[in-house]
Amino acid sequence: MIRDRLIRIFFIPLLGIFIPLISGFYNYQSFSISKLIAANCFSIFVSFCVWNGGCWIIYKFRFRLQKNPFFQIFLLCVLTTLYAAISATSLCYLWLFFTTRGGTDWQIILKNTEVVSITVVMFTLIYEILFLSSEKEIEYTKSRQLDTALTKAQLTILKNELDPHFMYNALNTLSYLVKKDVEKSEDFIARLSEVYRYFLANKNKEYVTLQEELNFIDQYFFLLQLRYEDKIKLKKELANHDLNAITILPCALQILVENAIKHNNFSETQPLSIKISINEENILVVNTKSPTKIPHYSTKVGLSNLKARYELACNKAIKVESGRNYFAVRLPLLKSA
């Protein structure tokens, strides 16, 4: 419903004064001051009756009519105009009947009714256009709210996928260390608790700073080196960038590092090299490529999860390049507010 209290306060008196002037309903030259005041008060009363009655018809019948907006507007114009013509004609007749002692000029009454009807049609159209615009805006707002809620729900699902995915890979590593080196396995457990704390602290965040993510990667990579030692290497080229002014999705780099290790062969003589760098548009993660020939069980969550999260969170796509000797992923550079 359109809140039109101010519109009524302004236009009801205005139309009550100007419609008789336009239609020539009153002969003001013969009026005394008292009769002029009485005539204007009566015209404002007529305007009040026509306006409020028309509004009642609009609000009463709008939702009972067909959903076709053009037919709805047409029918409301007919109903409000019919009501306005009947009420204006009746009230004007009464005015002339009592002020001219029974002498009524129907030509003047009908001309006044014609002006009233045209005015009512104009204002009905304005009301309906405003109402439909307001209704469309409300529907658009609701639609955006639903889309936002759905996006958040989908992101929550994707984020929740990361915990079991990370734990699956961490427990595999721990199982290996327990069999090979008990001392290292104890150190791994201690470091793992620190890494998992990062997951919990950022579980409900949409973004973290690149500095926070890189600090996490340092901890995570230390875990990996407990198992793989010098078989893996990490290099960062981040000079001349404010890492606290750049944001990234939580665990984005961790997923890429994990994928590099999972899908490649490496050794002390041919280590896996991972490099993280930044340009004007992307965070670039590149690793040397030597695909493993041994089938590796995968939850198939990592990279697909990351792609989906970027599309939902910031409507941007990550780019993947696969060359003969390298594999690269470009993450869109997100500036913090």
Protein backbone atom coordinates (compact mmCIF):
# COMPACT_ATOMS: atom_id res chain seq x y z
CA MET A 1 0.00 0.00 0.00
CA ILE A 2 1.30 3.42 -0.95
CA ARG A 3 1.66 5.77 2.03
CA ASP A 4 -0.07 8.82 0.68
CA ARG A 5 -0.97 10.88 3.74
CA LEU A 6 1.14 13.84 2.60
CA ILE A 7 -0.24 13.54 -0.93
CA ARG A 8 -3.80 13.69 0.39
CA ILE A 9 -3.10 16.66 2.65
CA PHE A 10 -1.69 18.58 -0.31
CA PHE A 11 -3.88 17.55 -3.23
CA ILE A 12 -7.38 17.26 -1.69
CA PRO A 13 -7.61 21.02 -0.88
CA LEU A 14 -5.76 21.93 -4.08
CA LEU A 15 -8.11 19.99 -6.33
CA GLY A 16 -11.11 21.15 -4.32
CA ILE A 17 -10.20 24.76 -5.14
CA PHE A 18 -8.98 24.43 -8.73
CA ILE A 19 -11.53 22.00 -10.24
CA PRO A 20 -14.45 24.46 -9.84
CA LEU A 21 -12.23 27.18 -11.34
CA ILE A 22 -11.44 25.02 -14.37
CA SER A 23 -15.02 23.83 -14.88
CA GLY A 24 -16.62 27.23 -14.14
CA PHE A 25 -18.92 25.68 -11.54
CA TYR A 26 -19.01 28.79 -9.35
CA ASN A 27 -19.78 32.34 -10.39
CA TYR A 28 -17.26 33.91 -8.02
CA GLN A 29 -18.00 37.48 -9.13
CA SER A 30 -21.39 37.39 -7.43
CA PHE A 31 -20.08 35.73 -4.23
CA SER A 32 -19.66 37.49 -0.94
CA ILE A 33 -16.60 36.63 1.14
CA SER A 34 -18.63 34.32 3.41
CA LYS A 35 -20.18 32.52 0.44
CA LEU A 36 -16.75 32.25 -1.23
CA ILE A 37 -15.35 30.57 1.89
CA ALA A 38 -18.38 28.29 2.11
CA ALA A 39 -18.09 27.34 -1.59
CA ASN A 40 -14.41 26.47 -1.27
CA CYS A 41 -15.06 24.45 1.89
CA PHE A 42 -17.81 22.56 0.10
CA SER A 43 -15.56 21.89 -2.92
CA ILE A 44 -12.81 20.60 -0.63
CA PHE A 45 -15.42 18.34 1.00
CA VAL A 46 -16.42 17.02 -2.46
CA SER A 47 -12.74 16.46 -3.27
CA PHE A 48 -12.31 14.64 0.05
CA CYS A 49 -15.28 12.33 -0.64
CA VAL A 50 -14.18 11.58 -4.20
CA TRP A 51 -10.51 10.99 -3.24
CA ASN A 52 -11.14 8.75 -0.23
CA GLY A 53 -13.89 6.80 -1.93
CA GLY A 54 -11.65 6.22 -4.93
CA CYS A 55 -8.79 5.07 -2.67
CA TRP A 56 -11.14 2.68 -0.88
CA ILE A 57 -12.17 1.16 -4.23
CA ILE A 58 -8.54 0.80 -5.32
CA TYR A 59 -7.39 -0.86 -2.11
CA LYS A 60 -10.54 -3.00 -1.80
CA PHE A 61 -10.67 -4.41 -5.31
CA ARG A 62 -7.05 -4.37 -6.51
CA PHE A 63 -6.20 -7.89 -5.30
CA ARG A 64 -9.60 -9.31 -6.25
CA LEU A 65 -9.16 -8.42 -9.90
CA GLN A 66 -7.29 -10.44 -12.47
CA LYS A 67 -3.52 -10.51 -12.28
CA ASN A 68 -3.14 -8.92 -15.71
CA PRO A 69 -1.87 -5.43 -14.76
CA PHE A 70 -3.29 -3.68 -17.84
CA PHE A 71 -6.79 -5.09 -17.27
CA GLN A 72 -6.47 -4.35 -13.56
CA ILE A 73 -5.62 -0.68 -14.18
CA PHE A 74 -8.41 -0.33 -16.78
CA LEU A 75 -11.06 -1.81 -14.47
CA LEU A 76 -9.94 0.30 -11.50
CA CYS A 77 -10.13 3.44 -13.66
CA VAL A 78 -13.69 2.52 -14.67
CA LEU A 79 -14.78 1.86 -11.08
CA THR A 80 -13.19 4.97 -9.56
CA THR A 81 -14.44 7.19 -12.40
CA LEU A 82 -17.96 5.82 -12.06
CA TYR A 83 -17.92 6.45 -8.32
CA ALA A 84 -16.45 9.94 -8.77
CA ALA A 85 -19.03 10.89 -11.42
CA ILE A 86 -21.96 9.75 -9.29
CA SER A 87 -20.74 11.34 -6.04
CA ALA A 88 -19.61 14.62 -7.65
CA THR A 89 -22.85 14.97 -9.62
CA SER A 90 -24.99 14.26 -6.56
CA LEU A 91 -23.14 16.66 -4.27
CA CYS A 92 -22.98 19.44 -6.86
CA TYR A 93 -26.69 19.05 -7.52
CA LEU A 94 -27.36 19.46 -3.80
CA TRP A 95 -25.21 22.61 -3.69
CA LEU A 96 -27.09 24.21 -6.58
CA PHE A 97 -30.43 23.04 -5.25
CA PHE A 98 -29.94 24.76 -1.89
CA THR A 99 -27.99 27.85 -3.05
CA THR A 100 -30.16 28.71 -6.07
CA ARG A 101 -33.46 27.73 -4.45
CA GLY A 102 -34.24 24.83 -6.76
CA GLY A 103 -32.69 26.19 -9.94
CA THR A 104 -30.06 23.79 -11.28
CA ASP A 105 -27.92 24.14 -14.37
CA TRP A 106 -27.19 20.58 -15.54
CA GLN A 107 -24.72 21.76 -18.14
CA ILE A 108 -22.53 23.24 -15.40
CA ILE A 109 -22.92 20.12 -13.25
CA LEU A 110 -21.97 17.80 -16.12
CA LYS A 111 -18.97 19.95 -17.07
CA ASN A 112 -17.77 19.87 -13.47
CA THR A 113 -18.32 16.10 -13.36
CA GLU A 114 -16.30 15.73 -16.56
CA VAL A 115 -13.33 17.59 -15.06
CA VAL A 116 -13.61 15.52 -11.87
CA SER A 117 -13.68 12.27 -13.88
CA ILE A 118 -10.61 13.20 -15.93
CA THR A 119 -8.74 14.12 -12.75
CA VAL A 120 -9.74 10.82 -11.11
CA VAL A 121 -8.49 8.82 -14.11
CA MET A 122 -5.16 10.66 -14.00
CA PHE A 123 -4.66 10.05 -10.28
CA THR A 124 -5.78 6.41 -10.52
CA LEU A 125 -3.16 5.83 -13.20
CA ILE A 126 -0.51 7.56 -11.07
CA TYR A 127 -1.51 5.49 -8.01
CA GLU A 128 -1.34 2.22 -9.92
CA ILE A 129 1.98 3.03 -11.59
CA LEU A 130 3.45 3.92 -8.19
CA PHE A 131 1.95 0.82 -6.62
CA LEU A 132 3.20 -1.54 -9.34
CA SER A 133 6.66 0.07 -9.21
CA SER A 134 6.71 -0.31 -5.43
CA GLU A 135 5.49 -3.90 -5.67
CA LYS A 136 8.14 -4.73 -8.28
CA GLU A 137 10.85 -3.18 -6.10
CA ILE A 138 9.66 -5.21 -3.10
CA GLU A 139 9.69 -8.42 -5.15
CA TYR A 140 13.17 -7.57 -6.44
CA THR A 141 14.39 -6.94 -2.88
CA LYS A 142 12.88 -10.22 -1.68
CA SER A 143 14.41 -12.03 -4.63
CA ARG A 144 17.85 -10.60 -3.82
CA GLN A 145 17.43 -11.53 -0.15
CA LEU A 146 16.49 -15.08 -1.12
CA ASP A 147 19.45 -15.27 -3.52
CA THR A 148 21.77 -13.99 -0.78
CA ALA A 149 20.38 -16.48 1.72
CA LEU A 150 20.75 -19.31 -0.81
CA THR A 151 24.31 -18.25 -1.63
CA LYS A 152 25.23 -18.19 2.07
CA ALA A 153 23.65 -21.60 2.55
CA GLN A 154 25.58 -23.01 -0.40
CA LEU A 155 28.82 -21.45 0.86
CA THR A 156 28.21 -22.98 4.29
CA ILE A 157 27.80 -26.39 2.70
CA LEU A 158 31.00 -25.95 0.70
CA LYS A 159 32.91 -24.74 3.76
CA ASN A 160 31.67 -27.72 5.77
CA GLU A 161 33.05 -30.00 3.06
CA LEU A 162 36.56 -28.71 3.78
CA ASP A 163 36.78 -30.03 7.34
CA PRO A 164 36.40 -33.74 6.55
CA HIS A 165 38.48 -33.28 3.40
CA PHE A 166 41.35 -31.74 5.36
CA MET A 167 41.06 -34.26 8.18
CA TYR A 168 41.04 -37.18 5.73
CA ASN A 169 44.37 -36.07 4.24
CA ALA A 170 45.85 -35.15 7.63
CA LEU A 171 44.98 -38.56 9.10
CA ASN A 172 46.52 -40.30 6.09
CA THR A 173 49.76 -38.39 6.73
CA LEU A 174 49.60 -39.15 10.47
CA SER A 175 49.06 -42.84 9.74
CA TYR A 176 52.20 -42.83 7.59
CA LEU A 177 54.27 -41.05 10.27
CA VAL A 178 53.10 -43.29 13.10
CA LYS A 179 54.46 -46.28 11.18
CA LYS A 180 57.72 -44.59 10.13
CA ASP A 181 58.68 -42.12 12.86
CA VAL A 182 56.86 -41.88 16.21
CA GLU A 183 58.72 -38.72 17.25
CA LYS A 184 57.71 -36.93 14.08
CA SER A 185 54.13 -38.11 14.47
CA GLU A 186 53.96 -36.43 17.91
CA ASP A 187 55.30 -33.20 16.44
CA PHE A 188 52.78 -33.53 13.62
CA ILE A 189 49.88 -33.82 16.08
CA ALA A 190 50.99 -30.67 17.92
CA ARG A 191 51.28 -28.70 14.69
CA LEU A 192 48.02 -30.13 13.40
CA SER A 193 46.15 -28.65 16.35
CA GLU A 194 47.51 -25.19 15.45
CA VAL A 195 46.50 -25.61 11.83
CA TYR A 196 43.03 -26.84 12.70
CA ARG A 197 42.59 -23.84 14.95
CA TYR A 198 42.81 -21.73 11.79
CA PHE A 199 39.95 -23.72 10.29
CA LEU A 200 37.76 -23.13 13.32
CA ALA A 201 38.64 -19.42 13.63
CA ASN A 202 37.79 -18.73 10.00
CA LYS A 203 35.01 -21.24 9.44
CA ASN A 204 32.28 -18.59 9.25
CA LYS A 205 34.31 -15.90 7.49
CA GLU A 206 33.80 -15.22 3.81
CA TYR A 207 37.26 -13.70 3.40
CA VAL A 208 40.59 -13.50 5.22
CA THR A 209 43.59 -11.32 4.46
CA LEU A 210 46.30 -12.78 2.29
CA GLN A 211 48.72 -12.28 5.18
CA GLU A 212 46.59 -14.51 7.43
CA GLU A 213 46.32 -17.18 4.73
CA LEU A 214 50.09 -17.14 4.10
CA ASN A 215 50.81 -17.48 7.82
CA PHE A 216 48.52 -20.48 7.82
CA ILE A 217 50.28 -21.92 4.74
CA ASP A 218 53.62 -21.67 6.56
CA GLN A 219 52.20 -23.77 9.40
CA TYR A 220 50.54 -26.19 7.00
CA PHE A 221 53.66 -26.59 4.86
CA PHE A 222 55.69 -27.34 7.98
CA LEU A 223 53.34 -30.27 8.61
CA LEU A 224 53.93 -31.52 5.09
CA GLN A 225 57.68 -31.27 5.47
CA LEU A 226 57.54 -33.45 8.57
CA ARG A 227 56.54 -36.24 6.22
CA TYR A 228 58.14 -35.33 2.91
CA GLU A 229 61.23 -33.44 4.18
CA ASP A 230 63.26 -32.03 1.26
CA LYS A 231 61.04 -33.63 -1.36
CA ILE A 232 58.84 -30.53 -1.45
CA LYS A 233 59.77 -26.86 -1.65
CA LEU A 234 57.72 -23.68 -1.27
CA LYS A 235 58.72 -20.31 -2.71
CA LYS A 236 56.87 -16.98 -2.25
CA GLU A 237 57.34 -13.90 -4.42
CA LEU A 238 55.23 -11.22 -2.73
CA ALA A 239 57.44 -8.14 -2.65
CA ASN A 240 55.94 -4.66 -2.92
CA HIS A 241 52.43 -5.80 -2.03
CA ASP A 242 50.40 -4.94 1.06
CA LEU A 243 49.27 -8.42 2.07
CA ASN A 244 46.80 -7.04 4.62
CA ALA A 245 45.01 -5.08 1.89
CA ILE A 246 44.35 -8.18 -0.23
CA THR A 247 41.69 -10.72 0.69
CA ILE A 248 41.32 -14.37 -0.22
CA LEU A 249 38.89 -17.16 0.57
CA PRO A 250 39.92 -19.15 3.65
CA CYS A 251 42.05 -22.23 2.87
CA ALA A 252 42.25 -21.40 -0.86
CA LEU A 253 46.05 -21.71 -0.95
CA GLN A 254 46.00 -24.80 1.26
CA ILE A 255 43.75 -26.60 -1.24
CA LEU A 256 46.11 -25.81 -4.11
CA VAL A 257 49.20 -26.91 -2.18
CA GLU A 258 47.44 -30.10 -1.13
CA ASN A 259 46.38 -30.86 -4.71
CA ALA A 260 49.93 -30.38 -5.98
CA ILE A 261 51.23 -32.95 -3.52
CA LYS A 262 48.39 -35.38 -4.10
CA HIS A 263 48.62 -35.52 -7.89
CA ASN A 264 52.40 -35.51 -8.50
CA ASN A 265 55.41 -37.74 -8.12
CA PHE A 266 58.44 -36.21 -6.37
CA SER A 267 61.66 -37.23 -4.68
CA GLU A 268 64.77 -35.71 -3.14
CA THR A 269 66.45 -35.62 -6.54
CA GLN A 270 63.33 -34.28 -8.27
CA PRO A 271 61.47 -32.32 -5.61
CA LEU A 272 58.03 -30.83 -6.07
CA SER A 273 58.38 -27.05 -6.33
CA ILE A 274 55.45 -24.78 -5.47
CA LYS A 275 55.58 -21.03 -6.03
CA ILE A 276 53.08 -18.41 -4.82
CA SER A 277 53.25 -14.99 -6.49
CA ILE A 278 51.07 -11.91 -7.14
CA ASN A 279 50.50 -9.70 -10.15
CA GLU A 280 48.01 -6.87 -10.68
CA GLU A 281 45.05 -9.19 -11.24
CA ASN A 282 45.77 -12.58 -9.70
CA ILE A 283 47.35 -14.62 -6.97
CA LEU A 284 49.28 -17.23 -8.95
CA VAL A 285 50.07 -20.69 -7.58
CA VAL A 286 52.35 -22.75 -9.84
CA ASN A 287 53.77 -26.19 -9.19
CA THR A 288 56.06 -28.45 -11.19
CA LYS A 289 54.20 -31.26 -12.89
CA SER A 290 55.03 -34.95 -12.78
CA PRO A 291 51.71 -36.82 -12.68
CA THR A 292 51.60 -39.82 -10.42
CA LYS A 293 50.98 -43.15 -12.14
CA ILE A 294 49.70 -44.80 -8.98
CA PRO A 295 45.89 -44.47 -8.59
CA HIS A 296 45.16 -42.10 -5.74
CA TYR A 297 41.89 -42.14 -3.87
CA SER A 298 40.35 -38.67 -3.92
CA THR A 299 37.27 -37.13 -2.29
CA LYS A 300 37.11 -34.86 -5.39
CA VAL A 301 36.35 -31.89 -3.19
CA GLY A 302 39.42 -29.64 -3.40
CA LEU A 303 39.66 -27.71 -6.68
CA SER A 304 35.97 -28.05 -7.59
CA ASN A 305 35.07 -26.79 -4.12
CA LEU A 306 37.36 -23.79 -4.55
CA LYS A 307 35.89 -22.95 -7.96
CA ALA A 308 32.35 -23.09 -6.60
CA ARG A 309 33.23 -20.96 -3.57
CA TYR A 310 34.79 -18.21 -5.70
CA GLU A 311 31.81 -18.12 -8.04
CA LEU A 312 29.35 -17.89 -5.15
CA ALA A 313 31.29 -15.53 -2.91
CA CYS A 314 32.52 -12.95 -5.42
CA ASN A 315 31.08 -14.00 -8.79
CA LYS A 316 34.59 -14.51 -10.18
CA ALA A 317 36.12 -17.56 -11.77
CA ILE A 318 39.52 -19.03 -11.04
CA LYS A 319 41.70 -19.91 -14.03
CA VAL A 320 43.51 -23.21 -14.40
CA GLU A 321 46.46 -23.78 -16.76
CA SER A 322 48.09 -27.12 -17.33
CA GLY A 323 51.34 -27.22 -19.29
CA ARG A 324 53.76 -30.02 -20.03
CA ASN A 325 55.95 -29.38 -16.99
CA TYR A 326 53.77 -27.14 -14.81
CA PHE A 327 50.30 -26.72 -13.36
CA ALA A 328 49.05 -23.21 -12.50
CA VAL A 329 45.97 -21.77 -10.84
CA ARG A 330 45.12 -18.07 -10.93
CA LEU A 331 42.95 -16.81 -8.07
CA PRO A 332 41.23 -13.42 -8.66
CA LEU A 333 42.85 -10.64 -6.65
CA LEU A 334 40.33 -9.27 -4.14
CA LYS A 335 41.02 -5.92 -2.51
CA SER A 336 39.78 -5.38 1.01
CA ALA A 337 37.30 -2.54 1.68
